[in-house]
Amino acid sequence: MQNFLPQSVLVVMSANAPQSSSISPLAPWQTGDVVPAPLDIYSCLVEQEWVDYNGHMTEAAYLSAFGWGSDALFTYIGDNDAYRAAGNSFYTVETHIVYEDEAFLNEPLRIETRVLDVDAKRLHIHHTMFHGDNGKRLSTTEQMLVHVDMNAGKSAPILPHVAAALDAIAQSHATLPTPEDVGRVMKIKKK
């Protein structure tokens, strides 16, 4: 069995991440670490390609920013390049985004992450996006992910060191109130 544990405390984002990306100085999770609740591990600036003809972030850009927030979580839990190169990854199977306010070119964004639940193969997370200067909540997303063995092309149990990190985070985050939009159903309410 290969060792996928982080070899250093340096946390590096993908080369494809926005140039303005910043993740917290938290080292990758280790047994016994105190886990912040919630995790505040990703921030960036609104990129030019994220802005539409209305002058604000596009719908898809919110998902992109949340995706980079997920990548920061993956880095923290040990889902690193070696883990993925060995054929292990998380795939998003469901996403619900709530748009609350606009963000404009070069404005700072900060994303908080909560692990709501985890089992042998699934991960339920919630991100909240804030304006980086004034702290106003801009958007939230609730996501369900499944752990995949990419070589077999099917779901597979989360490997032990990543599962241990997720269990520790979920335990820490269980002390937080459930976000009001978790499990939200979209419908037109009849009058």
N, C-alpha and C. Protein backbone atom coordinates (compact mmCIF):
# COMPACT_ATOMS: atom_id res chain seq x y z
N MET A 1 0.84 -1.19 0.00
CA MET A 1 0.00 0.00 0.00
C MET A 1 0.88 1.24 0.00
N GLN A 2 0.54 2.21 -0.85
CA GLN A 2 1.31 3.44 -0.93
C GLN A 2 0.97 4.36 0.24
N ASN A 3 1.93 5.19 0.61
CA ASN A 3 1.72 6.18 1.66
C ASN A 3 1.28 7.48 1.01
N PHE A 4 0.07 7.94 1.34
CA PHE A 4 -0.45 9.17 0.77
C PHE A 4 -0.40 10.31 1.77
N LEU A 5 0.22 10.08 2.93
CA LEU A 5 0.27 11.13 3.93
C LEU A 5 1.12 12.29 3.43
N PRO A 6 0.75 13.51 3.83
CA PRO A 6 1.51 14.67 3.38
C PRO A 6 2.97 14.57 3.80
N GLN A 7 3.85 14.96 2.92
CA GLN A 7 5.28 14.92 3.20
C GLN A 7 5.77 16.23 3.79
N SER A 8 4.96 17.25 3.80
CA SER A 8 5.38 18.55 4.30
C SER A 8 4.17 19.30 4.81
N VAL A 9 4.41 20.35 5.57
CA VAL A 9 3.30 21.14 6.07
C VAL A 9 2.91 22.24 5.08
N LEU A 10 3.64 22.35 3.98
CA LEU A 10 3.32 23.34 2.97
C LEU A 10 2.07 22.89 2.23
N VAL A 11 1.07 23.75 2.20
CA VAL A 11 -0.17 23.44 1.50
C VAL A 11 -0.18 24.25 0.21
N VAL A 12 -0.28 23.56 -0.92
CA VAL A 12 -0.18 24.20 -2.22
C VAL A 12 -1.46 23.96 -3.01
N MET A 13 -1.97 25.00 -3.63
CA MET A 13 -3.15 24.87 -4.48
C MET A 13 -2.71 24.38 -5.86
N SER A 14 -3.65 23.83 -6.59
CA SER A 14 -3.42 23.39 -7.96
C SER A 14 -2.90 24.53 -8.81
N ALA A 15 -2.13 24.20 -9.82
CA ALA A 15 -1.63 25.21 -10.75
C ALA A 15 -2.76 25.89 -11.49
N ASN A 16 -3.94 25.27 -11.54
CA ASN A 16 -5.10 25.84 -12.24
C ASN A 16 -5.90 26.80 -11.37
N ALA A 17 -5.57 26.90 -10.09
CA ALA A 17 -6.31 27.78 -9.18
C ALA A 17 -6.11 29.24 -9.59
N PRO A 18 -7.10 30.08 -9.28
CA PRO A 18 -6.92 31.51 -9.57
C PRO A 18 -5.63 32.03 -8.92
N GLN A 19 -4.95 32.94 -9.61
CA GLN A 19 -3.68 33.46 -9.09
C GLN A 19 -3.85 34.13 -7.75
N SER A 20 -5.03 34.65 -7.47
CA SER A 20 -5.27 35.33 -6.20
C SER A 20 -5.61 34.37 -5.08
N SER A 21 -5.64 33.07 -5.35
CA SER A 21 -6.03 32.08 -4.35
C SER A 21 -5.11 32.12 -3.15
N SER A 22 -5.72 31.94 -2.01
CA SER A 22 -4.98 31.85 -0.77
C SER A 22 -5.67 30.84 0.12
N ILE A 23 -4.91 29.96 0.71
CA ILE A 23 -5.49 29.06 1.69
C ILE A 23 -4.81 29.32 3.02
N SER A 24 -5.46 28.92 4.09
CA SER A 24 -4.95 29.23 5.41
C SER A 24 -3.61 28.56 5.65
N PRO A 25 -2.90 29.04 6.64
CA PRO A 25 -1.62 28.42 6.96
C PRO A 25 -1.77 27.10 7.72
N LEU A 26 -3.00 26.59 7.82
CA LEU A 26 -3.18 25.29 8.48
C LEU A 26 -2.38 24.23 7.75
N ALA A 27 -1.63 23.48 8.49
CA ALA A 27 -0.93 22.34 7.90
C ALA A 27 -1.95 21.24 7.64
N PRO A 28 -1.64 20.30 6.74
CA PRO A 28 -2.56 19.17 6.56
C PRO A 28 -2.86 18.51 7.91
N TRP A 29 -4.09 18.07 8.06
CA TRP A 29 -4.56 17.49 9.32
C TRP A 29 -3.69 16.31 9.73
N GLN A 30 -3.42 16.25 11.04
CA GLN A 30 -2.70 15.13 11.65
C GLN A 30 -3.50 14.67 12.87
N THR A 31 -3.41 13.41 13.21
CA THR A 31 -4.09 12.87 14.38
C THR A 31 -3.78 13.74 15.60
N GLY A 32 -4.80 14.10 16.34
CA GLY A 32 -4.64 14.92 17.54
C GLY A 32 -4.78 16.41 17.32
N ASP A 33 -4.82 16.85 16.06
CA ASP A 33 -4.98 18.28 15.78
C ASP A 33 -6.33 18.77 16.27
N VAL A 34 -6.36 20.00 16.75
CA VAL A 34 -7.63 20.67 17.07
C VAL A 34 -8.15 21.24 15.76
N VAL A 35 -9.37 20.88 15.39
CA VAL A 35 -9.95 21.30 14.12
C VAL A 35 -10.78 22.56 14.33
N PRO A 36 -10.48 23.64 13.60
CA PRO A 36 -11.31 24.84 13.69
C PRO A 36 -12.74 24.56 13.24
N ALA A 37 -13.69 25.22 13.87
CA ALA A 37 -15.11 25.06 13.51
C ALA A 37 -15.71 26.45 13.30
N PRO A 38 -16.06 26.79 12.09
CA PRO A 38 -15.85 26.08 10.83
C PRO A 38 -14.41 26.25 10.34
N LEU A 39 -14.11 25.59 9.23
CA LEU A 39 -12.80 25.76 8.59
C LEU A 39 -12.83 27.04 7.76
N ASP A 40 -11.85 27.88 7.95
CA ASP A 40 -11.73 29.12 7.19
C ASP A 40 -10.41 29.00 6.42
N ILE A 41 -10.44 28.25 5.31
CA ILE A 41 -9.17 27.87 4.67
C ILE A 41 -9.03 28.28 3.21
N TYR A 42 -9.96 29.10 2.70
CA TYR A 42 -9.80 29.53 1.31
C TYR A 42 -10.30 30.95 1.10
N SER A 43 -9.51 31.71 0.33
CA SER A 43 -9.94 33.05 -0.09
C SER A 43 -9.34 33.33 -1.46
N CYS A 44 -9.95 34.28 -2.16
CA CYS A 44 -9.46 34.67 -3.48
C CYS A 44 -10.07 36.02 -3.83
N LEU A 45 -9.68 36.55 -4.98
CA LEU A 45 -10.30 37.74 -5.55
C LEU A 45 -11.17 37.31 -6.71
N VAL A 46 -12.21 38.08 -6.99
CA VAL A 46 -13.06 37.81 -8.16
C VAL A 46 -12.21 38.03 -9.40
N GLU A 47 -12.10 36.99 -10.22
CA GLU A 47 -11.29 37.01 -11.43
C GLU A 47 -12.04 37.65 -12.60
N GLN A 48 -11.30 38.22 -13.55
CA GLN A 48 -11.91 38.84 -14.73
C GLN A 48 -12.82 37.87 -15.47
N GLU A 49 -12.37 36.62 -15.65
CA GLU A 49 -13.19 35.65 -16.40
C GLU A 49 -14.42 35.19 -15.63
N TRP A 50 -14.55 35.59 -14.38
CA TRP A 50 -15.72 35.25 -13.58
C TRP A 50 -16.84 36.30 -13.70
N VAL A 51 -16.55 37.42 -14.36
CA VAL A 51 -17.49 38.55 -14.42
C VAL A 51 -18.25 38.52 -15.74
N ASP A 52 -19.57 38.75 -15.66
CA ASP A 52 -20.40 38.70 -16.86
C ASP A 52 -20.74 40.08 -17.38
N TYR A 53 -21.64 40.12 -18.33
CA TYR A 53 -22.07 41.36 -18.98
C TYR A 53 -22.84 42.29 -18.04
N ASN A 54 -23.25 41.79 -16.88
CA ASN A 54 -23.89 42.65 -15.88
C ASN A 54 -22.87 43.25 -14.92
N GLY A 55 -21.61 42.90 -15.09
CA GLY A 55 -20.55 43.46 -14.27
C GLY A 55 -20.33 42.75 -12.95
N HIS A 56 -21.05 41.64 -12.72
CA HIS A 56 -20.87 40.90 -11.47
C HIS A 56 -20.52 39.44 -11.78
N MET A 57 -20.23 38.69 -10.73
CA MET A 57 -19.86 37.28 -10.91
C MET A 57 -21.00 36.51 -11.56
N THR A 58 -20.64 35.63 -12.48
CA THR A 58 -21.62 34.76 -13.12
C THR A 58 -22.06 33.67 -12.14
N GLU A 59 -23.17 33.04 -12.46
CA GLU A 59 -23.65 31.92 -11.64
C GLU A 59 -22.59 30.83 -11.54
N ALA A 60 -21.98 30.51 -12.67
CA ALA A 60 -20.97 29.45 -12.70
C ALA A 60 -19.74 29.81 -11.88
N ALA A 61 -19.42 31.10 -11.79
CA ALA A 61 -18.24 31.53 -11.04
C ALA A 61 -18.39 31.25 -9.55
N TYR A 62 -19.61 31.35 -9.04
CA TYR A 62 -19.82 31.01 -7.62
C TYR A 62 -19.44 29.55 -7.40
N LEU A 63 -19.87 28.68 -8.31
CA LEU A 63 -19.54 27.27 -8.19
C LEU A 63 -18.04 27.05 -8.32
N SER A 64 -17.39 27.78 -9.22
CA SER A 64 -15.93 27.68 -9.34
C SER A 64 -15.24 28.04 -8.04
N ALA A 65 -15.64 29.15 -7.45
CA ALA A 65 -15.03 29.58 -6.18
C ALA A 65 -15.28 28.53 -5.09
N PHE A 66 -16.50 28.00 -5.02
CA PHE A 66 -16.79 26.95 -4.05
C PHE A 66 -15.95 25.70 -4.33
N GLY A 67 -15.74 25.39 -5.61
CA GLY A 67 -14.91 24.25 -5.98
C GLY A 67 -13.48 24.41 -5.47
N TRP A 68 -12.93 25.62 -5.57
CA TRP A 68 -11.58 25.85 -5.04
C TRP A 68 -11.59 25.74 -3.52
N GLY A 69 -12.71 26.13 -2.89
CA GLY A 69 -12.83 25.92 -1.45
C GLY A 69 -12.81 24.44 -1.10
N SER A 70 -13.48 23.62 -1.93
CA SER A 70 -13.44 22.17 -1.73
C SER A 70 -12.03 21.64 -1.89
N ASP A 71 -11.31 22.16 -2.89
CA ASP A 71 -9.93 21.73 -3.09
C ASP A 71 -9.05 22.05 -1.88
N ALA A 72 -9.29 23.20 -1.25
CA ALA A 72 -8.55 23.54 -0.02
C ALA A 72 -8.87 22.53 1.08
N LEU A 73 -10.15 22.13 1.19
CA LEU A 73 -10.52 21.09 2.14
C LEU A 73 -9.80 19.78 1.82
N PHE A 74 -9.80 19.41 0.54
CA PHE A 74 -9.14 18.16 0.15
C PHE A 74 -7.66 18.18 0.54
N THR A 75 -7.00 19.30 0.31
CA THR A 75 -5.60 19.43 0.69
C THR A 75 -5.43 19.24 2.19
N TYR A 76 -6.32 19.85 2.96
CA TYR A 76 -6.26 19.75 4.43
C TYR A 76 -6.43 18.31 4.91
N ILE A 77 -7.28 17.52 4.26
CA ILE A 77 -7.56 16.16 4.73
C ILE A 77 -6.60 15.11 4.17
N GLY A 78 -5.70 15.51 3.29
CA GLY A 78 -4.74 14.55 2.75
C GLY A 78 -5.09 13.99 1.38
N ASP A 79 -6.13 14.54 0.76
CA ASP A 79 -6.47 14.16 -0.62
C ASP A 79 -5.59 15.02 -1.52
N ASN A 80 -4.34 14.57 -1.67
CA ASN A 80 -3.34 15.35 -2.38
C ASN A 80 -3.04 14.73 -3.75
N ASP A 81 -2.03 15.24 -4.43
CA ASP A 81 -1.70 14.75 -5.78
C ASP A 81 -1.39 13.25 -5.78
N ALA A 82 -0.66 12.78 -4.76
CA ALA A 82 -0.31 11.34 -4.70
C ALA A 82 -1.56 10.49 -4.51
N TYR A 83 -2.48 10.99 -3.69
CA TYR A 83 -3.74 10.27 -3.44
C TYR A 83 -4.52 10.11 -4.74
N ARG A 84 -4.62 11.20 -5.48
CA ARG A 84 -5.36 11.17 -6.75
C ARG A 84 -4.60 10.38 -7.82
N ALA A 85 -3.28 10.50 -7.85
CA ALA A 85 -2.49 9.75 -8.84
C ALA A 85 -2.65 8.24 -8.66
N ALA A 86 -2.95 7.82 -7.43
CA ALA A 86 -3.17 6.40 -7.16
C ALA A 86 -4.60 5.98 -7.48
N GLY A 87 -5.40 6.93 -7.99
CA GLY A 87 -6.75 6.59 -8.43
C GLY A 87 -7.85 6.86 -7.44
N ASN A 88 -7.59 7.66 -6.40
CA ASN A 88 -8.60 7.97 -5.39
C ASN A 88 -9.03 9.42 -5.51
N SER A 89 -10.32 9.67 -5.42
CA SER A 89 -10.79 11.04 -5.50
C SER A 89 -12.23 11.12 -4.98
N PHE A 90 -12.68 12.35 -4.81
CA PHE A 90 -14.08 12.62 -4.49
C PHE A 90 -14.73 13.23 -5.72
N TYR A 91 -15.92 12.76 -6.06
CA TYR A 91 -16.71 13.33 -7.14
C TYR A 91 -17.97 13.94 -6.53
N THR A 92 -18.31 15.14 -6.99
CA THR A 92 -19.54 15.78 -6.53
C THR A 92 -20.72 15.15 -7.25
N VAL A 93 -21.74 14.74 -6.50
CA VAL A 93 -22.92 14.12 -7.10
C VAL A 93 -24.17 15.00 -6.98
N GLU A 94 -24.12 16.01 -6.10
CA GLU A 94 -25.27 16.91 -5.98
C GLU A 94 -24.80 18.23 -5.38
N THR A 95 -25.33 19.33 -5.92
CA THR A 95 -24.98 20.68 -5.45
C THR A 95 -26.23 21.54 -5.42
N HIS A 96 -26.39 22.28 -4.33
CA HIS A 96 -27.46 23.28 -4.22
C HIS A 96 -26.78 24.61 -3.87
N ILE A 97 -26.96 25.62 -4.71
CA ILE A 97 -26.36 26.93 -4.47
C ILE A 97 -27.47 27.94 -4.19
N VAL A 98 -27.24 28.77 -3.18
CA VAL A 98 -28.14 29.87 -2.87
C VAL A 98 -27.34 31.16 -3.10
N TYR A 99 -27.84 32.01 -4.00
CA TYR A 99 -27.19 33.28 -4.32
C TYR A 99 -27.87 34.37 -3.50
N GLU A 100 -27.09 35.10 -2.70
CA GLU A 100 -27.68 36.11 -1.83
C GLU A 100 -27.28 37.53 -2.18
N ASP A 101 -26.08 37.70 -2.74
CA ASP A 101 -25.63 39.05 -3.09
C ASP A 101 -24.57 38.96 -4.18
N GLU A 102 -24.28 40.10 -4.78
CA GLU A 102 -23.34 40.18 -5.89
C GLU A 102 -21.91 40.34 -5.38
N ALA A 103 -20.98 39.95 -6.26
CA ALA A 103 -19.57 40.23 -6.05
C ALA A 103 -19.02 40.73 -7.39
N PHE A 104 -18.09 41.67 -7.32
CA PHE A 104 -17.59 42.35 -8.50
C PHE A 104 -16.08 42.13 -8.68
N LEU A 105 -15.60 42.46 -9.85
CA LEU A 105 -14.21 42.26 -10.23
C LEU A 105 -13.25 42.72 -9.14
N ASN A 106 -12.30 41.85 -8.82
CA ASN A 106 -11.22 42.09 -7.85
C ASN A 106 -11.68 42.22 -6.40
N GLU A 107 -12.96 42.00 -6.13
CA GLU A 107 -13.38 42.01 -4.73
C GLU A 107 -12.91 40.72 -4.05
N PRO A 108 -12.55 40.83 -2.77
CA PRO A 108 -12.08 39.64 -2.06
C PRO A 108 -13.24 38.75 -1.60
N LEU A 109 -13.02 37.44 -1.71
CA LEU A 109 -13.99 36.46 -1.26
C LEU A 109 -13.32 35.59 -0.20
N ARG A 110 -14.10 35.17 0.77
CA ARG A 110 -13.62 34.24 1.80
C ARG A 110 -14.64 33.13 1.92
N ILE A 111 -14.19 31.88 1.95
CA ILE A 111 -15.11 30.75 2.01
C ILE A 111 -14.85 29.94 3.27
N GLU A 112 -15.91 29.77 4.05
CA GLU A 112 -15.87 28.90 5.23
C GLU A 112 -16.47 27.55 4.84
N THR A 113 -15.91 26.50 5.40
CA THR A 113 -16.34 25.15 5.06
C THR A 113 -16.71 24.37 6.30
N ARG A 114 -17.81 23.64 6.20
CA ARG A 114 -18.25 22.74 7.27
C ARG A 114 -18.42 21.34 6.71
N VAL A 115 -17.99 20.36 7.47
CA VAL A 115 -18.31 18.97 7.16
C VAL A 115 -19.57 18.65 7.97
N LEU A 116 -20.67 18.42 7.26
CA LEU A 116 -21.95 18.13 7.91
C LEU A 116 -22.05 16.67 8.31
N ASP A 117 -21.52 15.79 7.46
CA ASP A 117 -21.60 14.35 7.75
C ASP A 117 -20.63 13.62 6.83
N VAL A 118 -20.28 12.44 7.23
CA VAL A 118 -19.40 11.59 6.43
C VAL A 118 -19.70 10.14 6.79
N ASP A 119 -19.64 9.26 5.80
CA ASP A 119 -19.72 7.83 6.07
C ASP A 119 -18.60 7.15 5.28
N ALA A 120 -18.67 5.87 5.08
CA ALA A 120 -17.57 5.13 4.45
C ALA A 120 -17.24 5.62 3.05
N LYS A 121 -18.26 6.10 2.30
CA LYS A 121 -18.04 6.50 0.90
C LYS A 121 -18.54 7.92 0.58
N ARG A 122 -19.30 8.53 1.46
CA ARG A 122 -19.93 9.82 1.13
C ARG A 122 -19.47 10.94 2.06
N LEU A 123 -19.49 12.14 1.51
CA LEU A 123 -19.11 13.34 2.24
C LEU A 123 -20.16 14.41 1.96
N HIS A 124 -20.74 14.96 3.03
CA HIS A 124 -21.76 16.00 2.94
C HIS A 124 -21.14 17.28 3.50
N ILE A 125 -20.98 18.31 2.65
CA ILE A 125 -20.33 19.55 3.08
C ILE A 125 -21.20 20.76 2.80
N HIS A 126 -20.83 21.86 3.44
CA HIS A 126 -21.50 23.14 3.26
C HIS A 126 -20.44 24.23 3.23
N HIS A 127 -20.49 25.07 2.19
CA HIS A 127 -19.60 26.23 2.10
C HIS A 127 -20.45 27.49 2.24
N THR A 128 -19.87 28.50 2.89
CA THR A 128 -20.47 29.83 2.94
C THR A 128 -19.45 30.81 2.38
N MET A 129 -19.88 31.61 1.40
CA MET A 129 -19.02 32.62 0.79
C MET A 129 -19.34 33.98 1.41
N PHE A 130 -18.29 34.67 1.84
CA PHE A 130 -18.43 36.01 2.40
C PHE A 130 -17.61 37.00 1.58
N HIS A 131 -18.05 38.26 1.60
CA HIS A 131 -17.21 39.32 1.04
C HIS A 131 -16.01 39.44 1.97
N GLY A 132 -14.82 39.45 1.41
CA GLY A 132 -13.60 39.44 2.22
C GLY A 132 -13.34 40.71 3.00
N ASP A 133 -13.92 41.83 2.59
CA ASP A 133 -13.70 43.09 3.30
C ASP A 133 -14.78 43.37 4.35
N ASN A 134 -16.05 43.27 3.94
CA ASN A 134 -17.12 43.68 4.86
C ASN A 134 -17.80 42.51 5.57
N GLY A 135 -17.45 41.27 5.21
CA GLY A 135 -17.99 40.10 5.90
C GLY A 135 -19.41 39.73 5.52
N LYS A 136 -20.00 40.43 4.55
CA LYS A 136 -21.38 40.13 4.16
C LYS A 136 -21.45 38.76 3.50
N ARG A 137 -22.46 37.98 3.89
CA ARG A 137 -22.66 36.67 3.27
C ARG A 137 -23.19 36.87 1.85
N LEU A 138 -22.50 36.20 0.89
CA LEU A 138 -22.86 36.35 -0.52
C LEU A 138 -23.59 35.13 -1.08
N SER A 139 -23.22 33.94 -0.60
CA SER A 139 -23.76 32.73 -1.19
C SER A 139 -23.44 31.54 -0.28
N THR A 140 -24.21 30.48 -0.47
CA THR A 140 -23.93 29.22 0.22
C THR A 140 -24.09 28.08 -0.78
N THR A 141 -23.45 26.98 -0.48
CA THR A 141 -23.67 25.77 -1.26
C THR A 141 -23.63 24.58 -0.33
N GLU A 142 -24.49 23.64 -0.60
CA GLU A 142 -24.53 22.36 0.09
C GLU A 142 -24.20 21.31 -0.97
N GLN A 143 -23.27 20.42 -0.64
CA GLN A 143 -22.84 19.44 -1.64
C GLN A 143 -22.73 18.05 -1.04
N MET A 144 -23.05 17.06 -1.87
CA MET A 144 -22.82 15.66 -1.55
C MET A 144 -21.76 15.15 -2.50
N LEU A 145 -20.75 14.52 -1.94
CA LEU A 145 -19.67 13.96 -2.75
C LEU A 145 -19.57 12.47 -2.45
N VAL A 146 -19.08 11.73 -3.42
CA VAL A 146 -18.86 10.30 -3.24
C VAL A 146 -17.38 10.03 -3.50
N HIS A 147 -16.81 9.16 -2.68
CA HIS A 147 -15.42 8.78 -2.88
C HIS A 147 -15.36 7.72 -3.98
N VAL A 148 -14.39 7.87 -4.89
CA VAL A 148 -14.33 7.02 -6.08
C VAL A 148 -12.95 6.39 -6.22
N ASP A 149 -12.95 5.14 -6.62
CA ASP A 149 -11.75 4.47 -7.10
C ASP A 149 -11.78 4.70 -8.62
N MET A 150 -10.98 5.64 -9.08
CA MET A 150 -11.01 6.01 -10.49
C MET A 150 -10.53 4.88 -11.40
N ASN A 151 -9.68 3.99 -10.90
CA ASN A 151 -9.20 2.87 -11.70
C ASN A 151 -10.31 1.85 -11.94
N ALA A 152 -11.16 1.65 -10.93
CA ALA A 152 -12.28 0.71 -11.06
C ALA A 152 -13.51 1.37 -11.66
N GLY A 153 -13.54 2.71 -11.62
CA GLY A 153 -14.69 3.44 -12.17
C GLY A 153 -15.94 3.31 -11.33
N LYS A 154 -15.77 3.22 -9.99
CA LYS A 154 -16.95 3.11 -9.12
C LYS A 154 -16.63 3.65 -7.73
N SER A 155 -17.69 3.82 -6.95
CA SER A 155 -17.50 4.32 -5.60
C SER A 155 -16.69 3.30 -4.79
N ALA A 156 -15.98 3.84 -3.80
CA ALA A 156 -15.11 3.00 -2.98
C ALA A 156 -14.95 3.66 -1.61
N PRO A 157 -14.65 2.87 -0.59
CA PRO A 157 -14.43 3.45 0.74
C PRO A 157 -13.31 4.49 0.74
N ILE A 158 -13.50 5.53 1.53
CA ILE A 158 -12.48 6.56 1.73
C ILE A 158 -11.30 5.89 2.44
N LEU A 159 -10.08 6.17 1.98
CA LEU A 159 -8.91 5.56 2.61
C LEU A 159 -8.76 6.03 4.06
N PRO A 160 -8.18 5.19 4.92
CA PRO A 160 -8.20 5.43 6.37
C PRO A 160 -7.71 6.79 6.84
N HIS A 161 -6.58 7.28 6.33
CA HIS A 161 -6.08 8.56 6.86
C HIS A 161 -6.98 9.73 6.47
N VAL A 162 -7.59 9.69 5.30
CA VAL A 162 -8.52 10.74 4.88
C VAL A 162 -9.83 10.59 5.66
N ALA A 163 -10.28 9.36 5.87
CA ALA A 163 -11.49 9.12 6.67
C ALA A 163 -11.30 9.62 8.10
N ALA A 164 -10.12 9.40 8.66
CA ALA A 164 -9.85 9.86 10.04
C ALA A 164 -9.91 11.39 10.11
N ALA A 165 -9.34 12.05 9.11
CA ALA A 165 -9.39 13.52 9.08
C ALA A 165 -10.84 14.00 8.98
N LEU A 166 -11.61 13.40 8.09
CA LEU A 166 -13.01 13.80 7.92
C LEU A 166 -13.82 13.53 9.18
N ASP A 167 -13.58 12.40 9.84
CA ASP A 167 -14.28 12.10 11.09
C ASP A 167 -13.96 13.15 12.16
N ALA A 168 -12.70 13.55 12.26
CA ALA A 168 -12.31 14.56 13.24
C ALA A 168 -12.96 15.91 12.93
N ILE A 169 -13.00 16.27 11.66
CA ILE A 169 -13.63 17.53 11.27
C ILE A 169 -15.13 17.48 11.54
N ALA A 170 -15.78 16.38 11.15
CA ALA A 170 -17.22 16.24 11.38
C ALA A 170 -17.54 16.33 12.87
N GLN A 171 -16.72 15.70 13.70
CA GLN A 171 -16.94 15.76 15.15
C GLN A 171 -16.82 17.19 15.66
N SER A 172 -15.81 17.92 15.19
CA SER A 172 -15.64 19.32 15.59
C SER A 172 -16.81 20.18 15.10
N HIS A 173 -17.24 19.95 13.88
CA HIS A 173 -18.28 20.76 13.28
C HIS A 173 -19.68 20.40 13.77
N ALA A 174 -19.82 19.26 14.41
CA ALA A 174 -21.12 18.86 14.98
C ALA A 174 -21.57 19.82 16.08
N THR A 175 -20.62 20.59 16.63
CA THR A 175 -20.96 21.55 17.68
C THR A 175 -21.60 22.82 17.11
N LEU A 176 -21.52 23.01 15.80
CA LEU A 176 -22.08 24.20 15.15
C LEU A 176 -23.56 23.98 14.85
N PRO A 177 -24.35 25.07 14.85
CA PRO A 177 -25.74 24.92 14.43
C PRO A 177 -25.80 24.57 12.94
N THR A 178 -26.78 23.78 12.55
CA THR A 178 -26.95 23.42 11.14
C THR A 178 -27.33 24.67 10.36
N PRO A 179 -26.65 24.96 9.26
CA PRO A 179 -27.02 26.13 8.45
C PRO A 179 -28.49 26.03 8.01
N GLU A 180 -29.17 27.16 7.99
CA GLU A 180 -30.62 27.17 7.72
C GLU A 180 -30.97 26.70 6.32
N ASP A 181 -30.04 26.75 5.39
CA ASP A 181 -30.35 26.34 4.02
C ASP A 181 -30.05 24.87 3.74
N VAL A 182 -29.55 24.14 4.72
CA VAL A 182 -29.25 22.71 4.50
C VAL A 182 -30.56 21.95 4.29
N GLY A 183 -30.63 21.18 3.22
CA GLY A 183 -31.83 20.41 2.91
C GLY A 183 -32.94 21.22 2.28
N ARG A 184 -32.64 22.44 1.93
CA ARG A 184 -33.64 23.33 1.35
C ARG A 184 -34.21 22.74 0.06
N VAL A 185 -35.51 22.86 -0.09
CA VAL A 185 -36.20 22.38 -1.28
C VAL A 185 -36.58 23.60 -2.12
N MET A 186 -36.33 23.51 -3.42
CA MET A 186 -36.68 24.60 -4.32
C MET A 186 -38.08 24.36 -4.87
N LYS A 187 -38.96 25.35 -4.68
CA LYS A 187 -40.30 25.25 -5.23
C LYS A 187 -40.96 26.62 -5.20
N ILE A 188 -41.99 26.78 -5.99
CA ILE A 188 -42.80 27.99 -5.95
C ILE A 188 -43.91 27.76 -4.94
N LYS A 189 -43.95 28.62 -3.93
CA LYS A 189 -44.99 28.47 -2.90
C LYS A 189 -46.28 29.07 -3.41
N LYS A 190 -47.32 28.26 -3.44
CA LYS A 190 -48.64 28.69 -3.91
C LYS A 190 -49.28 29.57 -2.84
N LYS A 191 -49.97 30.62 -3.31
CA LYS A 191 -50.63 31.55 -2.39
C LYS A 191 -52.05 31.15 -2.16
